[in-house]
């Protein structure tokens, strides 16, 4: 097996009550594991076998793209959280958010609205271009902003399996509460690198 599922940097119950241990168990423990297992089977004996995960995402399509991108997206999503998170950005990222969106609160409102507005399953992403400009984008299914030449720095998963056990059909409530576990130190690092 080329790709392995990394161990989460926090305990399974550490994000409760925002994300319950049951959701972690199913979302990361089962959904993410299935994407990685399927990805490994699909690349075996192919030109993709020795590629980095990001390169597979950029060069594949169909079932291979879906599993590669979902494997990457879920790791990216779960590794932006911290039960002892820095709750607001600072430095260059804070300045860029305020420059483009007016205030951090206005940015959060626009990000939540974009997440609520994703029809069906997908993600809402915060990405940057090479000049540091920020983009809030909606994505269907396994889509990833890397395929549009952007560098992702944060995402909220709006597939129902990300929130249904904890919030049922209340996607907006999930999107509003999840800020409490986003670690802005991690997002800032992604922005600056």
N, C-alpha and C. Protein backbone atom coordinates (compact mmCIF):
# COMPACT_ATOMS: atom_id res chain seq x y z
N UNK A 1 0.85 -1.19 0.00
CA UNK A 1 0.00 0.00 0.00
C UNK A 1 0.88 1.24 0.00
N UNK A 2 0.70 2.07 -0.98
CA UNK A 2 1.51 3.28 -1.07
C UNK A 2 1.04 4.34 -0.09
N UNK A 3 -0.26 4.65 -0.11
CA UNK A 3 -0.78 5.71 0.74
C UNK A 3 -1.37 5.11 2.01
N UNK A 4 -1.08 5.73 3.12
CA UNK A 4 -1.62 5.28 4.40
C UNK A 4 -2.39 6.41 5.06
N UNK A 5 -3.31 6.04 5.89
CA UNK A 5 -4.14 7.03 6.57
C UNK A 5 -3.39 7.54 7.80
N UNK A 6 -3.09 8.84 7.84
CA UNK A 6 -2.37 9.35 9.01
C UNK A 6 -3.25 9.35 10.26
N UNK A 7 -2.61 9.17 11.39
CA UNK A 7 -3.31 9.22 12.68
C UNK A 7 -3.66 10.67 12.97
N UNK A 8 -4.87 10.90 13.44
CA UNK A 8 -5.29 12.26 13.77
C UNK A 8 -4.44 12.81 14.91
N UNK A 9 -4.18 14.12 14.90
CA UNK A 9 -3.33 14.71 15.94
C UNK A 9 -4.07 15.05 17.23
N UNK A 10 -5.23 14.46 17.42
CA UNK A 10 -6.04 14.68 18.62
C UNK A 10 -6.87 13.42 18.86
N UNK A 11 -7.38 13.29 20.09
CA UNK A 11 -8.19 12.13 20.45
C UNK A 11 -9.53 12.17 19.71
N UNK A 12 -10.14 11.00 19.53
CA UNK A 12 -11.39 10.89 18.79
C UNK A 12 -12.52 11.74 19.39
N UNK A 13 -12.47 11.99 20.69
CA UNK A 13 -13.51 12.79 21.34
C UNK A 13 -13.10 14.24 21.57
N UNK A 14 -11.93 14.65 21.06
CA UNK A 14 -11.38 15.96 21.37
C UNK A 14 -12.16 17.13 20.76
N UNK A 15 -12.87 16.90 19.67
CA UNK A 15 -13.57 17.99 18.99
C UNK A 15 -15.03 18.12 19.42
N UNK A 16 -15.48 17.24 20.30
CA UNK A 16 -16.85 17.28 20.79
C UNK A 16 -17.06 18.55 21.63
N UNK A 17 -18.25 19.14 21.59
CA UNK A 17 -19.45 18.67 20.89
C UNK A 17 -19.58 19.17 19.45
N UNK A 18 -18.58 19.91 18.95
CA UNK A 18 -18.68 20.45 17.58
C UNK A 18 -18.72 19.30 16.57
N UNK A 19 -17.77 18.38 16.69
CA UNK A 19 -17.78 17.15 15.89
C UNK A 19 -17.69 16.00 16.88
N UNK A 20 -18.68 15.13 16.89
CA UNK A 20 -18.76 14.06 17.88
C UNK A 20 -17.77 12.94 17.58
N UNK A 21 -17.44 12.14 18.60
CA UNK A 21 -16.60 10.97 18.36
C UNK A 21 -17.21 10.01 17.34
N UNK A 22 -18.54 9.90 17.31
CA UNK A 22 -19.19 9.02 16.35
C UNK A 22 -18.97 9.51 14.92
N UNK A 23 -19.07 10.82 14.72
CA UNK A 23 -18.81 11.37 13.38
C UNK A 23 -17.35 11.15 12.99
N UNK A 24 -16.42 11.37 13.91
CA UNK A 24 -15.00 11.09 13.62
C UNK A 24 -14.82 9.63 13.23
N UNK A 25 -15.45 8.75 13.99
CA UNK A 25 -15.32 7.31 13.73
C UNK A 25 -15.78 6.95 12.33
N UNK A 26 -16.93 7.48 11.92
CA UNK A 26 -17.46 7.14 10.60
C UNK A 26 -16.81 7.97 9.49
N UNK A 27 -16.68 9.28 9.71
CA UNK A 27 -16.20 10.16 8.65
C UNK A 27 -14.72 9.92 8.36
N UNK A 28 -13.89 9.99 9.40
CA UNK A 28 -12.46 9.77 9.17
C UNK A 28 -12.12 8.28 9.20
N UNK A 29 -12.69 7.57 10.16
CA UNK A 29 -12.33 6.18 10.34
C UNK A 29 -12.80 5.26 9.23
N UNK A 30 -13.96 5.53 8.64
CA UNK A 30 -14.50 4.64 7.60
C UNK A 30 -14.49 5.29 6.20
N UNK A 31 -15.07 6.49 6.05
CA UNK A 31 -15.10 7.13 4.73
C UNK A 31 -13.68 7.38 4.21
N UNK A 32 -12.86 8.04 5.03
CA UNK A 32 -11.51 8.36 4.58
C UNK A 32 -10.69 7.10 4.33
N UNK A 33 -10.81 6.13 5.19
CA UNK A 33 -10.08 4.87 4.99
C UNK A 33 -10.48 4.21 3.67
N UNK A 34 -11.76 4.24 3.34
CA UNK A 34 -12.23 3.64 2.08
C UNK A 34 -11.64 4.36 0.87
N UNK A 35 -11.57 5.70 0.93
CA UNK A 35 -10.96 6.44 -0.19
C UNK A 35 -9.50 6.04 -0.38
N UNK A 36 -8.76 5.94 0.71
CA UNK A 36 -7.34 5.59 0.61
C UNK A 36 -7.17 4.15 0.12
N UNK A 37 -7.95 3.24 0.66
CA UNK A 37 -7.87 1.84 0.23
C UNK A 37 -8.19 1.70 -1.26
N UNK A 38 -9.24 2.38 -1.70
CA UNK A 38 -9.63 2.31 -3.12
C UNK A 38 -8.57 2.96 -4.00
N UNK A 39 -8.04 4.08 -3.57
CA UNK A 39 -6.97 4.75 -4.31
C UNK A 39 -5.78 3.82 -4.51
N UNK A 40 -5.35 3.16 -3.45
CA UNK A 40 -4.22 2.24 -3.56
C UNK A 40 -4.48 1.12 -4.56
N UNK A 41 -5.70 0.60 -4.59
CA UNK A 41 -6.04 -0.46 -5.56
C UNK A 41 -6.03 0.08 -6.99
N UNK A 42 -6.53 1.30 -7.17
CA UNK A 42 -6.64 1.88 -8.51
C UNK A 42 -5.28 2.22 -9.12
N UNK A 43 -4.31 2.59 -8.30
CA UNK A 43 -3.02 3.00 -8.86
C UNK A 43 -2.05 1.83 -9.03
N UNK A 44 -2.36 0.71 -8.43
CA UNK A 44 -1.44 -0.43 -8.48
C UNK A 44 -1.16 -0.84 -9.93
N UNK A 45 0.12 -0.85 -10.29
CA UNK A 45 0.54 -1.26 -11.62
C UNK A 45 0.26 -0.25 -12.72
N UNK A 46 -0.05 0.99 -12.36
CA UNK A 46 -0.33 2.03 -13.36
C UNK A 46 0.74 3.12 -13.32
N UNK A 47 0.64 4.06 -14.25
CA UNK A 47 1.57 5.19 -14.29
C UNK A 47 1.47 6.07 -13.05
N UNK A 48 0.36 5.94 -12.31
CA UNK A 48 0.13 6.78 -11.12
C UNK A 48 0.78 6.20 -9.86
N UNK A 49 1.28 4.99 -9.95
CA UNK A 49 1.74 4.26 -8.76
C UNK A 49 2.82 5.00 -7.98
N UNK A 50 3.70 5.72 -8.67
CA UNK A 50 4.81 6.40 -8.00
C UNK A 50 4.62 7.91 -7.91
N UNK A 51 3.44 8.39 -8.23
CA UNK A 51 3.17 9.83 -8.18
C UNK A 51 2.79 10.29 -6.78
N UNK A 52 3.09 11.54 -6.51
CA UNK A 52 2.59 12.18 -5.29
C UNK A 52 1.08 12.32 -5.41
N UNK A 53 0.40 12.36 -4.29
CA UNK A 53 -1.06 12.44 -4.29
C UNK A 53 -1.55 13.68 -5.04
N UNK A 54 -0.88 14.80 -4.85
CA UNK A 54 -1.27 16.03 -5.55
C UNK A 54 -1.16 15.88 -7.07
N UNK A 55 -0.12 15.18 -7.52
CA UNK A 55 0.04 14.96 -8.96
C UNK A 55 -1.05 14.05 -9.51
N UNK A 56 -1.45 13.06 -8.74
CA UNK A 56 -2.55 12.19 -9.18
C UNK A 56 -3.82 13.02 -9.34
N UNK A 57 -4.07 13.90 -8.38
CA UNK A 57 -5.27 14.77 -8.46
C UNK A 57 -5.23 15.62 -9.72
N UNK A 58 -4.07 16.18 -10.03
CA UNK A 58 -3.96 17.08 -11.18
C UNK A 58 -3.99 16.35 -12.52
N UNK A 59 -3.64 15.07 -12.54
CA UNK A 59 -3.49 14.36 -13.82
C UNK A 59 -4.54 13.30 -14.09
N UNK A 60 -5.42 13.05 -13.13
CA UNK A 60 -6.40 11.97 -13.31
C UNK A 60 -7.81 12.50 -13.47
N UNK A 61 -8.72 11.58 -13.75
CA UNK A 61 -10.13 11.93 -13.80
C UNK A 61 -10.95 10.72 -13.36
N UNK A 62 -12.26 10.87 -13.37
CA UNK A 62 -13.15 9.76 -13.06
C UNK A 62 -12.94 9.21 -11.66
N UNK A 63 -13.04 7.90 -11.55
CA UNK A 63 -12.97 7.22 -10.25
C UNK A 63 -11.64 7.45 -9.55
N UNK A 64 -10.55 7.46 -10.31
CA UNK A 64 -9.24 7.68 -9.71
C UNK A 64 -9.17 9.08 -9.13
N UNK A 65 -9.59 10.09 -9.89
CA UNK A 65 -9.58 11.46 -9.36
C UNK A 65 -10.43 11.55 -8.11
N UNK A 66 -11.64 11.00 -8.15
CA UNK A 66 -12.54 11.10 -7.00
C UNK A 66 -11.92 10.53 -5.73
N UNK A 67 -11.31 9.38 -5.82
CA UNK A 67 -10.73 8.76 -4.64
C UNK A 67 -9.45 9.46 -4.19
N UNK A 68 -8.61 9.88 -5.13
CA UNK A 68 -7.38 10.61 -4.78
C UNK A 68 -7.73 11.95 -4.13
N UNK A 69 -8.64 12.67 -4.74
CA UNK A 69 -8.99 13.98 -4.22
C UNK A 69 -9.69 13.87 -2.87
N UNK A 70 -10.59 12.90 -2.72
CA UNK A 70 -11.26 12.74 -1.44
C UNK A 70 -10.28 12.32 -0.35
N UNK A 71 -9.31 11.48 -0.68
CA UNK A 71 -8.29 11.11 0.30
C UNK A 71 -7.55 12.37 0.76
N UNK A 72 -7.14 13.20 -0.18
CA UNK A 72 -6.42 14.44 0.14
C UNK A 72 -7.32 15.42 0.88
N UNK A 73 -8.53 15.63 0.39
CA UNK A 73 -9.45 16.62 0.98
C UNK A 73 -9.75 16.32 2.44
N UNK A 74 -9.95 15.05 2.75
CA UNK A 74 -10.31 14.69 4.12
C UNK A 74 -9.13 14.89 5.09
N UNK A 75 -7.95 14.54 4.66
CA UNK A 75 -6.78 14.79 5.52
C UNK A 75 -6.62 16.28 5.73
N UNK A 76 -6.74 17.05 4.67
CA UNK A 76 -6.63 18.50 4.75
C UNK A 76 -7.67 19.07 5.72
N UNK A 77 -8.90 18.58 5.63
CA UNK A 77 -10.01 19.03 6.48
C UNK A 77 -9.75 18.69 7.95
N UNK A 78 -9.48 17.43 8.25
CA UNK A 78 -9.35 17.01 9.64
C UNK A 78 -8.09 17.54 10.31
N UNK A 79 -7.07 17.86 9.54
CA UNK A 79 -5.83 18.35 10.13
C UNK A 79 -5.78 19.86 10.28
N UNK A 80 -6.92 20.54 10.10
CA UNK A 80 -6.99 21.98 10.35
C UNK A 80 -7.65 22.27 11.70
N UNK A 81 -8.04 21.23 12.41
CA UNK A 81 -8.76 21.40 13.68
C UNK A 81 -7.85 21.17 14.88
N UNK A 82 -8.25 21.79 15.99
CA UNK A 82 -7.52 21.67 17.23
C UNK A 82 -8.50 22.03 18.35
N UNK A 83 -8.65 21.19 19.36
CA UNK A 83 -9.57 21.54 20.44
C UNK A 83 -9.13 22.79 21.21
N UNK A 84 -7.84 23.13 21.13
CA UNK A 84 -7.31 24.34 21.77
C UNK A 84 -6.88 25.34 20.71
N UNK A 85 -7.75 25.55 19.73
CA UNK A 85 -7.41 26.32 18.54
C UNK A 85 -7.21 27.80 18.82
N UNK A 86 -6.38 28.42 17.96
CA UNK A 86 -6.34 29.88 17.86
C UNK A 86 -7.57 30.28 17.06
N UNK A 87 -8.48 31.04 17.67
CA UNK A 87 -9.80 31.25 17.08
C UNK A 87 -9.88 32.35 16.02
N UNK A 88 -8.84 33.12 15.86
CA UNK A 88 -8.85 34.17 14.84
C UNK A 88 -7.49 34.23 14.16
N UNK A 89 -7.48 34.61 12.89
CA UNK A 89 -6.21 34.75 12.19
C UNK A 89 -5.47 36.01 12.64
N UNK A 90 -4.19 36.04 12.33
CA UNK A 90 -3.39 37.23 12.62
C UNK A 90 -2.44 37.45 11.44
N UNK A 91 -1.61 38.43 11.57
CA UNK A 91 -0.57 38.67 10.58
C UNK A 91 -1.07 38.95 9.18
N UNK A 92 -0.32 38.45 8.19
CA UNK A 92 -0.61 38.73 6.79
C UNK A 92 -1.97 38.18 6.37
N UNK A 93 -2.35 37.02 6.88
CA UNK A 93 -3.64 36.45 6.51
C UNK A 93 -4.78 37.32 7.04
N UNK A 94 -4.68 37.78 8.26
CA UNK A 94 -5.71 38.66 8.83
C UNK A 94 -5.83 39.94 8.00
N UNK A 95 -4.71 40.50 7.64
CA UNK A 95 -4.71 41.72 6.82
C UNK A 95 -5.38 41.48 5.47
N UNK A 96 -5.09 40.33 4.85
CA UNK A 96 -5.69 40.04 3.54
C UNK A 96 -7.19 39.80 3.66
N UNK A 97 -7.62 39.11 4.71
CA UNK A 97 -9.05 38.90 4.93
C UNK A 97 -9.76 40.23 5.10
N UNK A 98 -9.21 41.12 5.90
CA UNK A 98 -9.85 42.42 6.14
C UNK A 98 -9.82 43.28 4.88
N UNK A 99 -8.75 43.19 4.12
CA UNK A 99 -8.65 43.95 2.86
C UNK A 99 -9.72 43.51 1.87
N UNK A 100 -9.93 42.20 1.75
CA UNK A 100 -10.86 41.69 0.74
C UNK A 100 -12.31 41.60 1.22
N UNK A 101 -12.51 41.33 2.51
CA UNK A 101 -13.87 41.06 2.98
C UNK A 101 -14.39 42.08 3.99
N UNK A 102 -13.58 43.06 4.35
CA UNK A 102 -14.02 44.11 5.26
C UNK A 102 -13.69 43.82 6.71
N UNK A 103 -14.04 42.63 7.17
CA UNK A 103 -13.75 42.23 8.54
C UNK A 103 -13.73 40.71 8.61
N UNK A 104 -13.19 40.20 9.69
CA UNK A 104 -13.17 38.75 9.89
C UNK A 104 -14.59 38.21 10.00
N UNK A 105 -15.46 38.93 10.69
CA UNK A 105 -16.85 38.50 10.83
C UNK A 105 -17.56 38.47 9.48
N UNK A 106 -17.31 39.47 8.63
CA UNK A 106 -17.92 39.47 7.29
C UNK A 106 -17.39 38.32 6.45
N UNK A 107 -16.10 38.04 6.59
CA UNK A 107 -15.52 36.90 5.88
C UNK A 107 -16.21 35.60 6.30
N UNK A 108 -16.35 35.39 7.61
CA UNK A 108 -16.98 34.16 8.10
C UNK A 108 -18.42 34.04 7.57
N UNK A 109 -19.12 35.14 7.55
CA UNK A 109 -20.51 35.13 7.05
C UNK A 109 -20.54 34.71 5.57
N UNK A 110 -19.65 35.28 4.75
CA UNK A 110 -19.60 34.92 3.33
C UNK A 110 -19.20 33.46 3.14
N UNK A 111 -18.27 32.99 3.97
CA UNK A 111 -17.82 31.61 3.86
C UNK A 111 -18.95 30.64 4.20
N UNK A 112 -19.68 30.95 5.28
CA UNK A 112 -20.81 30.12 5.67
C UNK A 112 -21.89 30.11 4.59
N UNK A 113 -22.19 31.28 4.03
CA UNK A 113 -23.20 31.37 2.97
C UNK A 113 -22.80 30.53 1.77
N UNK A 114 -21.52 30.56 1.42
CA UNK A 114 -21.05 29.74 0.30
C UNK A 114 -21.21 28.26 0.61
N UNK A 115 -20.94 27.86 1.86
CA UNK A 115 -21.10 26.47 2.25
C UNK A 115 -22.55 26.02 2.22
N UNK A 116 -23.44 26.87 2.72
CA UNK A 116 -24.87 26.55 2.69
C UNK A 116 -25.34 26.43 1.24
N UNK A 117 -24.76 27.24 0.36
CA UNK A 117 -25.19 27.30 -1.03
C UNK A 117 -24.70 26.17 -1.92
N UNK A 118 -23.82 25.31 -1.42
CA UNK A 118 -23.38 24.17 -2.22
C UNK A 118 -24.56 23.22 -2.35
N UNK A 119 -24.98 22.97 -3.58
CA UNK A 119 -26.10 22.06 -3.80
C UNK A 119 -25.59 20.63 -3.76
N UNK A 120 -26.20 19.82 -2.91
CA UNK A 120 -25.77 18.43 -2.79
C UNK A 120 -24.50 18.33 -1.98
N UNK A 121 -23.58 17.49 -2.41
CA UNK A 121 -22.36 17.20 -1.66
C UNK A 121 -21.18 17.97 -2.21
N UNK A 122 -20.26 18.33 -1.32
CA UNK A 122 -19.06 19.03 -1.76
C UNK A 122 -18.35 19.73 -0.62
N UNK A 123 -17.72 20.84 -0.95
CA UNK A 123 -16.90 21.59 -0.02
C UNK A 123 -17.06 23.08 -0.27
N UNK A 124 -16.73 23.86 0.75
CA UNK A 124 -16.47 25.28 0.55
C UNK A 124 -15.00 25.47 0.93
N UNK A 125 -14.27 26.14 0.04
CA UNK A 125 -12.81 26.27 0.16
C UNK A 125 -12.39 27.72 0.35
N UNK A 126 -11.32 27.90 1.10
CA UNK A 126 -10.58 29.16 1.09
C UNK A 126 -9.23 28.83 0.49
N UNK A 127 -8.89 29.54 -0.59
CA UNK A 127 -7.64 29.29 -1.30
C UNK A 127 -6.97 30.61 -1.58
N UNK A 128 -5.75 30.54 -2.06
CA UNK A 128 -5.01 31.74 -2.44
C UNK A 128 -4.35 31.53 -3.79
N UNK A 129 -4.08 32.65 -4.46
CA UNK A 129 -3.31 32.57 -5.69
C UNK A 129 -1.85 32.91 -5.38
N UNK A 130 -1.03 32.99 -6.41
CA UNK A 130 0.40 33.23 -6.20
C UNK A 130 0.71 34.60 -5.63
N UNK A 131 -0.25 35.53 -5.75
CA UNK A 131 -0.06 36.88 -5.20
C UNK A 131 -0.63 37.02 -3.80
N UNK A 132 -1.20 35.95 -3.25
CA UNK A 132 -1.75 36.02 -1.91
C UNK A 132 -3.21 36.43 -1.84
N UNK A 133 -3.83 36.65 -3.00
CA UNK A 133 -5.25 37.00 -3.01
C UNK A 133 -6.07 35.77 -2.62
N UNK A 134 -7.12 36.00 -1.82
CA UNK A 134 -7.95 34.91 -1.31
C UNK A 134 -9.17 34.68 -2.19
N UNK A 135 -9.61 33.43 -2.21
CA UNK A 135 -10.80 33.03 -2.97
C UNK A 135 -11.65 32.10 -2.12
N UNK A 136 -12.93 32.42 -2.00
CA UNK A 136 -13.90 31.51 -1.41
C UNK A 136 -14.59 30.83 -2.59
N UNK A 137 -14.50 29.51 -2.66
CA UNK A 137 -15.10 28.79 -3.78
C UNK A 137 -15.93 27.61 -3.29
N UNK A 138 -16.95 27.32 -4.06
CA UNK A 138 -17.79 26.15 -3.81
C UNK A 138 -17.30 25.02 -4.71
N UNK A 139 -17.38 23.80 -4.19
CA UNK A 139 -16.94 22.64 -4.98
C UNK A 139 -17.97 21.54 -4.86
N UNK A 140 -18.25 20.90 -5.99
CA UNK A 140 -19.12 19.73 -5.99
C UNK A 140 -18.29 18.48 -5.78
N UNK A 141 -18.87 17.54 -5.07
CA UNK A 141 -18.29 16.22 -4.90
C UNK A 141 -16.84 16.28 -4.42
N UNK A 142 -15.88 15.80 -5.22
CA UNK A 142 -14.48 15.73 -4.79
C UNK A 142 -13.63 16.87 -5.34
N UNK A 143 -14.24 17.87 -5.95
CA UNK A 143 -13.46 18.94 -6.58
C UNK A 143 -12.49 19.59 -5.60
N UNK A 144 -11.35 20.02 -6.15
CA UNK A 144 -10.29 20.62 -5.35
C UNK A 144 -9.75 21.84 -6.10
N UNK A 145 -9.55 22.98 -5.41
CA UNK A 145 -9.06 24.19 -6.08
C UNK A 145 -7.69 24.06 -6.73
N UNK A 146 -6.91 23.04 -6.37
CA UNK A 146 -5.62 22.82 -7.02
C UNK A 146 -5.79 22.69 -8.53
N UNK A 147 -6.91 22.10 -8.95
CA UNK A 147 -7.13 21.89 -10.38
C UNK A 147 -7.40 23.20 -11.11
N UNK A 148 -7.62 24.29 -10.37
CA UNK A 148 -7.84 25.62 -10.95
C UNK A 148 -6.64 26.53 -10.73
N UNK A 149 -5.52 25.95 -10.32
CA UNK A 149 -4.30 26.72 -10.12
C UNK A 149 -4.24 27.47 -8.81
N UNK A 150 -5.10 27.15 -7.87
CA UNK A 150 -5.11 27.81 -6.56
C UNK A 150 -4.49 26.91 -5.50
N UNK A 151 -4.05 27.52 -4.41
CA UNK A 151 -3.50 26.76 -3.28
C UNK A 151 -4.52 26.75 -2.16
N UNK A 152 -5.12 25.61 -1.86
CA UNK A 152 -6.09 25.54 -0.76
C UNK A 152 -5.42 25.83 0.58
N UNK A 153 -6.14 26.58 1.44
CA UNK A 153 -5.62 26.80 2.79
C UNK A 153 -6.64 26.41 3.87
N UNK A 154 -7.91 26.23 3.51
CA UNK A 154 -8.91 25.80 4.48
C UNK A 154 -10.12 25.26 3.72
N UNK A 155 -10.80 24.28 4.31
CA UNK A 155 -12.06 23.82 3.70
C UNK A 155 -13.02 23.35 4.78
N UNK A 156 -14.29 23.52 4.50
CA UNK A 156 -15.34 22.91 5.31
C UNK A 156 -16.04 21.90 4.42
N UNK A 157 -16.12 20.69 4.90
CA UNK A 157 -16.75 19.59 4.18
C UNK A 157 -18.26 19.71 4.35
N UNK A 158 -19.00 19.76 3.25
CA UNK A 158 -20.46 19.84 3.34
C UNK A 158 -21.14 18.60 2.75
N UNK A 159 -20.41 17.50 2.65
CA UNK A 159 -21.07 16.23 2.40
C UNK A 159 -21.89 15.92 3.66
N UNK A 160 -23.03 15.30 3.50
CA UNK A 160 -23.88 15.03 4.67
C UNK A 160 -23.17 14.18 5.72
N UNK A 161 -22.29 13.28 5.30
CA UNK A 161 -21.63 12.45 6.30
C UNK A 161 -20.71 13.25 7.22
N UNK A 162 -20.39 14.49 6.85
CA UNK A 162 -19.55 15.33 7.69
C UNK A 162 -20.30 15.90 8.89
N UNK A 163 -21.62 15.99 8.77
CA UNK A 163 -22.37 16.68 9.84
C UNK A 163 -23.69 16.04 10.23
N UNK A 164 -24.19 15.07 9.47
CA UNK A 164 -25.57 14.62 9.67
C UNK A 164 -25.80 13.95 11.02
N UNK A 165 -24.84 13.19 11.52
CA UNK A 165 -25.02 12.54 12.82
C UNK A 165 -25.13 13.54 13.96
N UNK A 166 -24.48 14.70 13.79
CA UNK A 166 -24.46 15.71 14.85
C UNK A 166 -25.50 16.82 14.65
N UNK A 167 -25.81 17.16 13.40
CA UNK A 167 -26.67 18.32 13.12
C UNK A 167 -27.89 17.98 12.27
N UNK A 168 -28.05 16.71 11.90
CA UNK A 168 -29.09 16.26 10.99
C UNK A 168 -29.05 17.12 9.71
N UNK A 169 -30.16 17.76 9.34
CA UNK A 169 -30.18 18.53 8.09
C UNK A 169 -29.78 19.99 8.28
N UNK A 170 -29.27 20.36 9.44
CA UNK A 170 -28.97 21.76 9.75
C UNK A 170 -27.53 22.11 9.36
N UNK A 171 -27.27 22.11 8.08
CA UNK A 171 -25.93 22.41 7.58
C UNK A 171 -25.45 23.77 8.06
N UNK A 172 -26.32 24.76 8.06
CA UNK A 172 -25.93 26.11 8.47
C UNK A 172 -25.44 26.13 9.91
N UNK A 173 -26.06 25.36 10.79
CA UNK A 173 -25.63 25.30 12.19
C UNK A 173 -24.24 24.69 12.30
N UNK A 174 -24.02 23.62 11.57
CA UNK A 174 -22.70 22.99 11.54
C UNK A 174 -21.64 23.99 11.06
N UNK A 175 -21.91 24.68 9.96
CA UNK A 175 -20.95 25.63 9.41
C UNK A 175 -20.66 26.76 10.39
N UNK A 176 -21.65 27.18 11.14
CA UNK A 176 -21.47 28.28 12.09
C UNK A 176 -20.66 27.84 13.31
N UNK A 177 -20.86 26.62 13.76
CA UNK A 177 -20.19 26.15 14.98
C UNK A 177 -18.77 25.65 14.73
N UNK A 178 -18.48 25.23 13.52
CA UNK A 178 -17.18 24.61 13.27
C UNK A 178 -16.01 25.59 13.41
N UNK A 179 -16.30 26.89 13.33
CA UNK A 179 -15.23 27.87 13.53
C UNK A 179 -14.55 27.68 14.89
N UNK A 180 -15.26 27.16 15.87
CA UNK A 180 -14.72 27.03 17.23
C UNK A 180 -13.57 26.04 17.32
N UNK A 181 -13.37 25.22 16.30
CA UNK A 181 -12.27 24.25 16.34
C UNK A 181 -11.25 24.46 15.21
N UNK A 182 -11.49 25.47 14.35
CA UNK A 182 -10.50 25.78 13.31
C UNK A 182 -9.29 26.41 13.97
N UNK A 183 -8.12 25.86 13.70
CA UNK A 183 -6.89 26.39 14.27
C UNK A 183 -6.25 27.35 13.26
N UNK A 184 -6.40 28.63 13.52
CA UNK A 184 -5.90 29.64 12.58
C UNK A 184 -4.39 29.66 12.48
N UNK A 185 -3.69 29.10 13.46
CA UNK A 185 -2.23 28.99 13.32
C UNK A 185 -1.90 28.07 12.16
N UNK A 186 -2.68 27.01 11.98
CA UNK A 186 -2.49 26.09 10.86
C UNK A 186 -2.84 26.76 9.54
N UNK A 187 -3.95 27.48 9.52
CA UNK A 187 -4.38 28.15 8.28
C UNK A 187 -3.37 29.22 7.88
N UNK A 188 -2.85 29.95 8.86
CA UNK A 188 -1.83 30.96 8.57
C UNK A 188 -0.58 30.32 7.98
N UNK A 189 -0.17 29.20 8.54
CA UNK A 189 1.01 28.49 8.02
C UNK A 189 0.79 28.07 6.56
N UNK A 190 -0.42 27.58 6.27
CA UNK A 190 -0.73 27.18 4.89
C UNK A 190 -0.72 28.41 3.98
N UNK A 191 -1.19 29.54 4.47
CA UNK A 191 -1.23 30.77 3.66
C UNK A 191 0.17 31.27 3.36
N UNK A 192 1.05 31.19 4.35
CA UNK A 192 2.39 31.78 4.21
C UNK A 192 3.35 30.88 3.45
N UNK A 193 3.08 29.58 3.39
CA UNK A 193 3.99 28.66 2.68
C UNK A 193 3.66 28.53 1.21
